[in-house]
Amino acid sequence: MLGRLLASEDTISLTVLRIFLGLVIFPHGAQKVFGWFGGHGFSGTMDMFTNVMGIPYIFALAAILAEFFGPLLLAAGLLTRLAALVVGTDIAVAAMLVHLPHGFFMNWGGKQAGEGFEYHILVVGMSLALVIAGGGKWSLDRLISRHS
C-alpha cells in the first residue's frame, strides 16, 4: 500500500506542478497559522471560521492544517498524493462554501462583493493530476519508493 502511495511517474512536469502548487497554497496557510501576508493568525482564523462562519472546530482546524502542511509536503514531494488530495478537497470546499455565490471570475476589477471560483478550479485540477500521477521524477516519494 505504501509503495503504491509513493509511486510516481518519471517526469519533471509533475515536479514543476507540485512545487508551484505548493508555492501558491503556502501563503494561504501561513496567513491562517502565523498571520503572515495580512492574515489573522491561528486564533483569529479559528474565531472567524467557528464563530462567524459556523464551521465546526474540527473542520476549521483541518482546513488550516491542510493549507499549511499540505503545501510543505507538496514542495518536498513527500506523500504527494495524500497532500494533493487534502489540498484539493480543502480548496473545493472553500469554493463551494465561500466563493460559489460570487460567480466564476476573480474580482480583478473590484466590481463584485467577493472572489469567484475560477482559481479554485485550477487548484483542484492541479491537485487531481498529482493524486493520479504522483510527485514526479524529483520527489521524496519517488526516492523512497525506489529504495524500498
N, C-alpha and C. Protein backbone atom coordinates (compact mmCIF):
# COMPACT_ATOMS: atom_id res chain seq x y z
N MET A 1 0.82 -1.20 0.00
CA MET A 1 0.00 0.00 0.00
C MET A 1 0.86 1.26 0.00
N LEU A 2 1.89 1.30 0.86
CA LEU A 2 2.75 2.47 0.91
C LEU A 2 3.48 2.65 -0.41
N GLY A 3 3.91 1.55 -1.02
CA GLY A 3 4.59 1.64 -2.30
C GLY A 3 3.71 2.26 -3.37
N ARG A 4 2.44 1.91 -3.36
CA ARG A 4 1.50 2.47 -4.34
C ARG A 4 1.25 3.95 -4.07
N LEU A 5 1.20 4.34 -2.80
CA LEU A 5 1.00 5.74 -2.43
C LEU A 5 2.19 6.59 -2.87
N LEU A 6 3.40 6.04 -2.77
CA LEU A 6 4.61 6.80 -3.07
C LEU A 6 5.03 6.72 -4.54
N ALA A 7 4.54 5.75 -5.28
CA ALA A 7 4.93 5.58 -6.68
C ALA A 7 4.60 6.83 -7.49
N SER A 8 5.41 7.09 -8.49
CA SER A 8 5.20 8.29 -9.30
C SER A 8 5.66 8.05 -10.73
N GLU A 9 5.04 8.76 -11.62
CA GLU A 9 5.52 8.75 -12.99
C GLU A 9 6.86 9.47 -13.04
N ASP A 10 7.71 9.05 -13.97
CA ASP A 10 9.07 9.57 -14.08
C ASP A 10 9.10 10.78 -15.00
N THR A 11 8.54 11.89 -14.54
CA THR A 11 8.50 13.09 -15.36
C THR A 11 8.79 14.33 -14.52
N ILE A 12 9.48 15.25 -15.11
CA ILE A 12 9.82 16.50 -14.43
C ILE A 12 8.60 17.42 -14.35
N SER A 13 7.67 17.28 -15.29
CA SER A 13 6.50 18.17 -15.29
C SER A 13 5.69 18.05 -14.00
N LEU A 14 5.60 16.86 -13.43
CA LEU A 14 4.89 16.69 -12.16
C LEU A 14 5.64 17.39 -11.03
N THR A 15 6.95 17.37 -11.09
CA THR A 15 7.75 18.08 -10.09
C THR A 15 7.45 19.57 -10.15
N VAL A 16 7.43 20.11 -11.36
CA VAL A 16 7.12 21.54 -11.54
C VAL A 16 5.71 21.83 -11.03
N LEU A 17 4.76 20.99 -11.39
CA LEU A 17 3.37 21.18 -10.99
C LEU A 17 3.22 21.22 -9.47
N ARG A 18 3.80 20.25 -8.76
CA ARG A 18 3.62 20.19 -7.31
C ARG A 18 4.35 21.32 -6.60
N ILE A 19 5.52 21.72 -7.08
CA ILE A 19 6.25 22.82 -6.44
C ILE A 19 5.48 24.12 -6.58
N PHE A 20 4.97 24.39 -7.77
CA PHE A 20 4.23 25.64 -7.97
C PHE A 20 2.89 25.62 -7.24
N LEU A 21 2.24 24.47 -7.18
CA LEU A 21 1.01 24.38 -6.39
C LEU A 21 1.31 24.66 -4.91
N GLY A 22 2.38 24.09 -4.41
CA GLY A 22 2.79 24.36 -3.03
C GLY A 22 3.09 25.82 -2.80
N LEU A 23 3.78 26.45 -3.76
CA LEU A 23 4.10 27.88 -3.63
C LEU A 23 2.85 28.76 -3.60
N VAL A 24 1.84 28.38 -4.35
CA VAL A 24 0.61 29.18 -4.40
C VAL A 24 -0.24 28.97 -3.14
N ILE A 25 -0.28 27.76 -2.61
CA ILE A 25 -1.14 27.48 -1.46
C ILE A 25 -0.48 27.87 -0.14
N PHE A 26 0.84 27.77 -0.03
CA PHE A 26 1.51 28.03 1.25
C PHE A 26 1.18 29.39 1.86
N PRO A 27 1.17 30.49 1.11
CA PRO A 27 0.83 31.77 1.74
C PRO A 27 -0.55 31.78 2.39
N HIS A 28 -1.49 31.02 1.85
CA HIS A 28 -2.82 30.94 2.45
C HIS A 28 -2.75 30.25 3.81
N GLY A 29 -1.96 29.20 3.89
CA GLY A 29 -1.78 28.52 5.17
C GLY A 29 -1.01 29.38 6.16
N ALA A 30 0.01 30.09 5.68
CA ALA A 30 0.80 30.96 6.56
C ALA A 30 -0.04 32.11 7.09
N GLN A 31 -0.99 32.59 6.31
CA GLN A 31 -1.93 33.60 6.80
C GLN A 31 -2.71 33.06 7.99
N LYS A 32 -3.17 31.83 7.85
CA LYS A 32 -4.03 31.24 8.85
C LYS A 32 -3.28 30.78 10.10
N VAL A 33 -2.03 30.38 9.96
CA VAL A 33 -1.26 29.89 11.10
C VAL A 33 -0.50 31.02 11.79
N PHE A 34 0.22 31.83 11.02
CA PHE A 34 1.11 32.84 11.60
C PHE A 34 0.62 34.28 11.46
N GLY A 35 -0.39 34.51 10.64
CA GLY A 35 -0.82 35.88 10.39
C GLY A 35 0.03 36.58 9.36
N TRP A 36 0.87 35.84 8.65
CA TRP A 36 1.70 36.43 7.60
C TRP A 36 0.82 36.84 6.43
N PHE A 37 1.35 37.67 5.57
CA PHE A 37 0.68 38.09 4.32
C PHE A 37 -0.71 38.69 4.60
N GLY A 38 -0.83 39.41 5.70
CA GLY A 38 -2.09 40.07 6.02
C GLY A 38 -3.15 39.16 6.60
N GLY A 39 -2.77 37.99 7.07
CA GLY A 39 -3.74 37.05 7.63
C GLY A 39 -4.08 37.35 9.09
N HIS A 40 -4.96 36.54 9.65
CA HIS A 40 -5.44 36.74 11.02
C HIS A 40 -4.72 35.87 12.04
N GLY A 41 -3.82 34.99 11.60
CA GLY A 41 -3.17 34.07 12.52
C GLY A 41 -4.12 32.97 12.95
N PHE A 42 -3.59 32.05 13.74
CA PHE A 42 -4.36 30.87 14.12
C PHE A 42 -5.62 31.23 14.90
N SER A 43 -5.48 32.00 15.97
CA SER A 43 -6.63 32.33 16.82
C SER A 43 -7.69 33.11 16.05
N GLY A 44 -7.24 34.11 15.29
CA GLY A 44 -8.19 34.92 14.53
C GLY A 44 -8.91 34.12 13.46
N THR A 45 -8.18 33.23 12.81
CA THR A 45 -8.79 32.40 11.77
C THR A 45 -9.78 31.41 12.38
N MET A 46 -9.38 30.78 13.49
CA MET A 46 -10.30 29.85 14.15
C MET A 46 -11.56 30.57 14.61
N ASP A 47 -11.41 31.77 15.13
CA ASP A 47 -12.57 32.56 15.56
C ASP A 47 -13.49 32.86 14.38
N MET A 48 -12.88 33.29 13.28
CA MET A 48 -13.68 33.60 12.09
C MET A 48 -14.38 32.35 11.56
N PHE A 49 -13.65 31.25 11.45
CA PHE A 49 -14.23 30.02 10.92
C PHE A 49 -15.35 29.48 11.82
N THR A 50 -15.09 29.43 13.12
CA THR A 50 -16.05 28.79 14.03
C THR A 50 -17.18 29.72 14.46
N ASN A 51 -16.87 30.94 14.82
CA ASN A 51 -17.90 31.84 15.36
C ASN A 51 -18.62 32.65 14.28
N VAL A 52 -17.90 33.11 13.29
CA VAL A 52 -18.53 33.93 12.25
C VAL A 52 -19.16 33.05 11.16
N MET A 53 -18.41 32.06 10.69
CA MET A 53 -18.90 31.23 9.60
C MET A 53 -19.65 29.98 10.07
N GLY A 54 -19.53 29.65 11.35
CA GLY A 54 -20.24 28.49 11.90
C GLY A 54 -19.67 27.14 11.52
N ILE A 55 -18.40 27.11 11.15
CA ILE A 55 -17.75 25.85 10.79
C ILE A 55 -17.36 25.12 12.07
N PRO A 56 -17.66 23.83 12.20
CA PRO A 56 -17.25 23.09 13.39
C PRO A 56 -15.74 23.14 13.59
N TYR A 57 -15.31 23.14 14.84
CA TYR A 57 -13.91 23.30 15.21
C TYR A 57 -13.01 22.33 14.45
N ILE A 58 -13.38 21.06 14.39
CA ILE A 58 -12.52 20.05 13.78
C ILE A 58 -12.32 20.32 12.29
N PHE A 59 -13.35 20.81 11.60
CA PHE A 59 -13.22 21.11 10.18
C PHE A 59 -12.42 22.39 9.95
N ALA A 60 -12.59 23.35 10.84
CA ALA A 60 -11.80 24.58 10.75
C ALA A 60 -10.32 24.26 10.94
N LEU A 61 -10.03 23.44 11.94
CA LEU A 61 -8.65 23.03 12.19
C LEU A 61 -8.09 22.26 11.00
N ALA A 62 -8.88 21.37 10.44
CA ALA A 62 -8.44 20.59 9.28
C ALA A 62 -8.11 21.49 8.10
N ALA A 63 -8.91 22.52 7.87
CA ALA A 63 -8.65 23.45 6.76
C ALA A 63 -7.34 24.19 6.96
N ILE A 64 -7.11 24.66 8.18
CA ILE A 64 -5.87 25.38 8.48
C ILE A 64 -4.67 24.47 8.30
N LEU A 65 -4.74 23.27 8.84
CA LEU A 65 -3.63 22.32 8.71
C LEU A 65 -3.40 21.92 7.26
N ALA A 66 -4.48 21.74 6.51
CA ALA A 66 -4.35 21.38 5.09
C ALA A 66 -3.62 22.45 4.31
N GLU A 67 -3.96 23.71 4.56
CA GLU A 67 -3.36 24.81 3.80
C GLU A 67 -1.95 25.16 4.28
N PHE A 68 -1.57 24.70 5.47
CA PHE A 68 -0.21 24.97 5.93
C PHE A 68 0.73 23.79 5.64
N PHE A 69 0.34 22.59 6.06
CA PHE A 69 1.23 21.44 5.89
C PHE A 69 1.15 20.83 4.49
N GLY A 70 -0.01 20.90 3.86
CA GLY A 70 -0.16 20.36 2.51
C GLY A 70 0.86 20.92 1.53
N PRO A 71 1.02 22.24 1.45
CA PRO A 71 2.00 22.80 0.52
C PRO A 71 3.44 22.43 0.85
N LEU A 72 3.75 22.27 2.13
CA LEU A 72 5.10 21.86 2.51
C LEU A 72 5.38 20.45 2.02
N LEU A 73 4.41 19.56 2.20
CA LEU A 73 4.56 18.19 1.70
C LEU A 73 4.63 18.17 0.17
N LEU A 74 3.83 19.00 -0.48
CA LEU A 74 3.87 19.07 -1.94
C LEU A 74 5.23 19.55 -2.43
N ALA A 75 5.75 20.60 -1.83
CA ALA A 75 7.04 21.14 -2.25
C ALA A 75 8.15 20.10 -2.10
N ALA A 76 8.08 19.32 -1.03
CA ALA A 76 9.09 18.28 -0.80
C ALA A 76 8.83 17.03 -1.64
N GLY A 77 7.62 16.88 -2.13
CA GLY A 77 7.28 15.67 -2.85
C GLY A 77 7.14 14.48 -1.92
N LEU A 78 6.70 14.74 -0.70
CA LEU A 78 6.53 13.68 0.30
C LEU A 78 5.04 13.45 0.54
N LEU A 79 4.61 12.21 0.37
CA LEU A 79 3.18 11.89 0.47
C LEU A 79 2.37 12.78 -0.47
N THR A 80 2.88 12.93 -1.67
CA THR A 80 2.31 13.86 -2.65
C THR A 80 0.84 13.58 -2.92
N ARG A 81 0.51 12.33 -3.16
CA ARG A 81 -0.89 12.00 -3.48
C ARG A 81 -1.82 12.39 -2.33
N LEU A 82 -1.44 12.06 -1.12
CA LEU A 82 -2.26 12.40 0.05
C LEU A 82 -2.35 13.92 0.23
N ALA A 83 -1.21 14.60 0.14
CA ALA A 83 -1.19 16.06 0.29
C ALA A 83 -2.05 16.73 -0.78
N ALA A 84 -1.95 16.25 -2.01
CA ALA A 84 -2.74 16.83 -3.10
C ALA A 84 -4.23 16.57 -2.90
N LEU A 85 -4.57 15.39 -2.41
CA LEU A 85 -5.98 15.08 -2.13
C LEU A 85 -6.53 16.01 -1.04
N VAL A 86 -5.75 16.22 0.01
CA VAL A 86 -6.18 17.07 1.12
C VAL A 86 -6.30 18.53 0.67
N VAL A 87 -5.29 19.02 -0.04
CA VAL A 87 -5.33 20.41 -0.52
C VAL A 87 -6.48 20.60 -1.51
N GLY A 88 -6.62 19.70 -2.45
CA GLY A 88 -7.69 19.81 -3.44
C GLY A 88 -9.07 19.78 -2.80
N THR A 89 -9.26 18.91 -1.82
CA THR A 89 -10.54 18.84 -1.11
C THR A 89 -10.80 20.11 -0.33
N ASP A 90 -9.80 20.61 0.37
CA ASP A 90 -9.92 21.85 1.14
C ASP A 90 -10.34 23.01 0.24
N ILE A 91 -9.68 23.14 -0.89
CA ILE A 91 -9.97 24.25 -1.81
C ILE A 91 -11.34 24.07 -2.47
N ALA A 92 -11.72 22.84 -2.78
CA ALA A 92 -13.05 22.60 -3.35
C ALA A 92 -14.15 22.98 -2.35
N VAL A 93 -13.95 22.64 -1.09
CA VAL A 93 -14.92 23.01 -0.05
C VAL A 93 -14.98 24.52 0.10
N ALA A 94 -13.83 25.18 0.10
CA ALA A 94 -13.81 26.65 0.19
C ALA A 94 -14.56 27.27 -0.99
N ALA A 95 -14.37 26.71 -2.17
CA ALA A 95 -15.07 27.23 -3.35
C ALA A 95 -16.58 27.11 -3.19
N MET A 96 -17.03 25.97 -2.69
CA MET A 96 -18.47 25.75 -2.55
C MET A 96 -19.07 26.58 -1.42
N LEU A 97 -18.38 26.67 -0.29
CA LEU A 97 -18.95 27.37 0.87
C LEU A 97 -18.83 28.89 0.79
N VAL A 98 -17.75 29.37 0.18
CA VAL A 98 -17.47 30.81 0.24
C VAL A 98 -17.56 31.49 -1.12
N HIS A 99 -17.00 30.89 -2.15
CA HIS A 99 -16.79 31.59 -3.41
C HIS A 99 -17.86 31.38 -4.47
N LEU A 100 -18.59 30.30 -4.40
CA LEU A 100 -19.62 30.00 -5.39
C LEU A 100 -20.64 31.12 -5.57
N PRO A 101 -21.12 31.74 -4.48
CA PRO A 101 -22.11 32.82 -4.65
C PRO A 101 -21.59 34.04 -5.41
N HIS A 102 -20.27 34.17 -5.54
CA HIS A 102 -19.68 35.35 -6.19
C HIS A 102 -19.42 35.13 -7.68
N GLY A 103 -19.85 34.00 -8.21
CA GLY A 103 -19.69 33.75 -9.63
C GLY A 103 -18.35 33.14 -9.98
N PHE A 104 -18.11 33.03 -11.26
CA PHE A 104 -16.92 32.35 -11.77
C PHE A 104 -15.65 33.17 -11.63
N PHE A 105 -15.69 34.43 -11.99
CA PHE A 105 -14.48 35.23 -12.16
C PHE A 105 -13.92 35.76 -10.85
N MET A 106 -12.59 35.87 -10.82
CA MET A 106 -11.92 36.53 -9.70
C MET A 106 -12.32 38.01 -9.73
N ASN A 107 -12.15 38.68 -8.64
CA ASN A 107 -12.58 40.07 -8.50
C ASN A 107 -11.46 41.04 -8.88
N TRP A 108 -10.97 40.94 -10.10
CA TRP A 108 -9.85 41.78 -10.53
C TRP A 108 -10.21 43.26 -10.54
N GLY A 109 -11.44 43.57 -10.92
CA GLY A 109 -11.84 44.97 -11.05
C GLY A 109 -12.59 45.53 -9.86
N GLY A 110 -12.80 44.73 -8.83
CA GLY A 110 -13.49 45.21 -7.64
C GLY A 110 -14.97 45.47 -7.85
N LYS A 111 -15.57 44.85 -8.85
CA LYS A 111 -16.98 45.13 -9.16
C LYS A 111 -17.95 44.15 -8.51
N GLN A 112 -17.44 43.15 -7.82
CA GLN A 112 -18.33 42.20 -7.17
C GLN A 112 -17.97 42.12 -5.68
N ALA A 113 -18.85 41.53 -4.89
CA ALA A 113 -18.68 41.51 -3.44
C ALA A 113 -17.52 40.63 -2.98
N GLY A 114 -17.22 39.57 -3.68
CA GLY A 114 -16.16 38.64 -3.27
C GLY A 114 -15.48 38.03 -4.47
N GLU A 115 -14.63 37.08 -4.19
CA GLU A 115 -13.86 36.40 -5.25
C GLU A 115 -14.65 35.22 -5.80
N GLY A 116 -14.60 35.05 -7.11
CA GLY A 116 -15.22 33.90 -7.76
C GLY A 116 -14.39 32.65 -7.58
N PHE A 117 -14.76 31.59 -8.27
CA PHE A 117 -14.15 30.28 -8.03
C PHE A 117 -13.24 29.79 -9.15
N GLU A 118 -12.86 30.63 -10.11
CA GLU A 118 -12.01 30.16 -11.21
C GLU A 118 -10.65 29.67 -10.72
N TYR A 119 -10.06 30.36 -9.76
CA TYR A 119 -8.78 29.96 -9.17
C TYR A 119 -8.91 28.58 -8.53
N HIS A 120 -10.01 28.34 -7.88
CA HIS A 120 -10.22 27.08 -7.17
C HIS A 120 -10.30 25.90 -8.14
N ILE A 121 -10.88 26.14 -9.31
CA ILE A 121 -10.93 25.09 -10.32
C ILE A 121 -9.51 24.70 -10.74
N LEU A 122 -8.65 25.68 -10.92
CA LEU A 122 -7.25 25.39 -11.28
C LEU A 122 -6.55 24.57 -10.19
N VAL A 123 -6.73 24.97 -8.94
CA VAL A 123 -6.09 24.26 -7.83
C VAL A 123 -6.60 22.83 -7.74
N VAL A 124 -7.90 22.65 -7.87
CA VAL A 124 -8.46 21.30 -7.81
C VAL A 124 -7.95 20.46 -8.98
N GLY A 125 -7.87 21.03 -10.17
CA GLY A 125 -7.34 20.31 -11.32
C GLY A 125 -5.88 19.92 -11.15
N MET A 126 -5.07 20.84 -10.65
CA MET A 126 -3.66 20.54 -10.40
C MET A 126 -3.53 19.45 -9.34
N SER A 127 -4.34 19.55 -8.30
CA SER A 127 -4.31 18.55 -7.23
C SER A 127 -4.71 17.18 -7.76
N LEU A 128 -5.74 17.14 -8.58
CA LEU A 128 -6.20 15.87 -9.14
C LEU A 128 -5.11 15.22 -10.00
N ALA A 129 -4.40 16.02 -10.78
CA ALA A 129 -3.30 15.48 -11.59
C ALA A 129 -2.24 14.83 -10.71
N LEU A 130 -1.94 15.45 -9.57
CA LEU A 130 -0.94 14.91 -8.65
C LEU A 130 -1.45 13.67 -7.92
N VAL A 131 -2.74 13.64 -7.60
CA VAL A 131 -3.32 12.44 -6.98
C VAL A 131 -3.20 11.26 -7.94
N ILE A 132 -3.44 11.50 -9.21
CA ILE A 132 -3.40 10.44 -10.22
C ILE A 132 -1.97 9.99 -10.52
N ALA A 133 -1.06 10.94 -10.71
CA ALA A 133 0.27 10.61 -11.25
C ALA A 133 1.40 10.62 -10.23
N GLY A 134 1.20 11.22 -9.07
CA GLY A 134 2.26 11.27 -8.07
C GLY A 134 3.12 12.52 -8.21
N GLY A 135 4.21 12.54 -7.45
CA GLY A 135 5.03 13.74 -7.30
C GLY A 135 6.07 14.00 -8.36
N GLY A 136 6.30 13.07 -9.25
CA GLY A 136 7.25 13.30 -10.32
C GLY A 136 8.64 12.78 -10.06
N LYS A 137 9.49 13.03 -11.03
CA LYS A 137 10.85 12.49 -11.04
C LYS A 137 11.66 12.91 -9.82
N TRP A 138 11.58 14.17 -9.45
CA TRP A 138 12.38 14.68 -8.34
C TRP A 138 11.51 14.89 -7.11
N SER A 139 11.07 13.79 -6.53
CA SER A 139 10.25 13.86 -5.31
C SER A 139 10.82 12.88 -4.28
N LEU A 140 10.57 13.19 -3.03
CA LEU A 140 10.97 12.27 -1.97
C LEU A 140 10.19 10.96 -2.09
N ASP A 141 8.96 11.04 -2.53
CA ASP A 141 8.16 9.83 -2.75
C ASP A 141 8.88 8.87 -3.69
N ARG A 142 9.33 9.38 -4.79
CA ARG A 142 9.99 8.54 -5.79
C ARG A 142 11.29 7.97 -5.24
N LEU A 143 12.04 8.79 -4.53
CA LEU A 143 13.29 8.33 -3.93
C LEU A 143 13.03 7.20 -2.93
N ILE A 144 12.04 7.38 -2.08
CA ILE A 144 11.71 6.36 -1.08
C ILE A 144 11.20 5.09 -1.75
N SER A 145 10.32 5.23 -2.73
CA SER A 145 9.74 4.04 -3.37
C SER A 145 10.78 3.25 -4.15
N ARG A 146 11.79 3.91 -4.66
CA ARG A 146 12.84 3.21 -5.41
C ARG A 146 13.79 2.45 -4.49
N HIS A 147 13.85 2.84 -3.21
CA HIS A 147 14.75 2.20 -2.26
C HIS A 147 14.02 1.30 -1.27
N SER A 148 12.76 1.00 -1.54
CA SER A 148 12.04 0.11 -0.62
C SER A 148 11.65 -1.18 -1.28
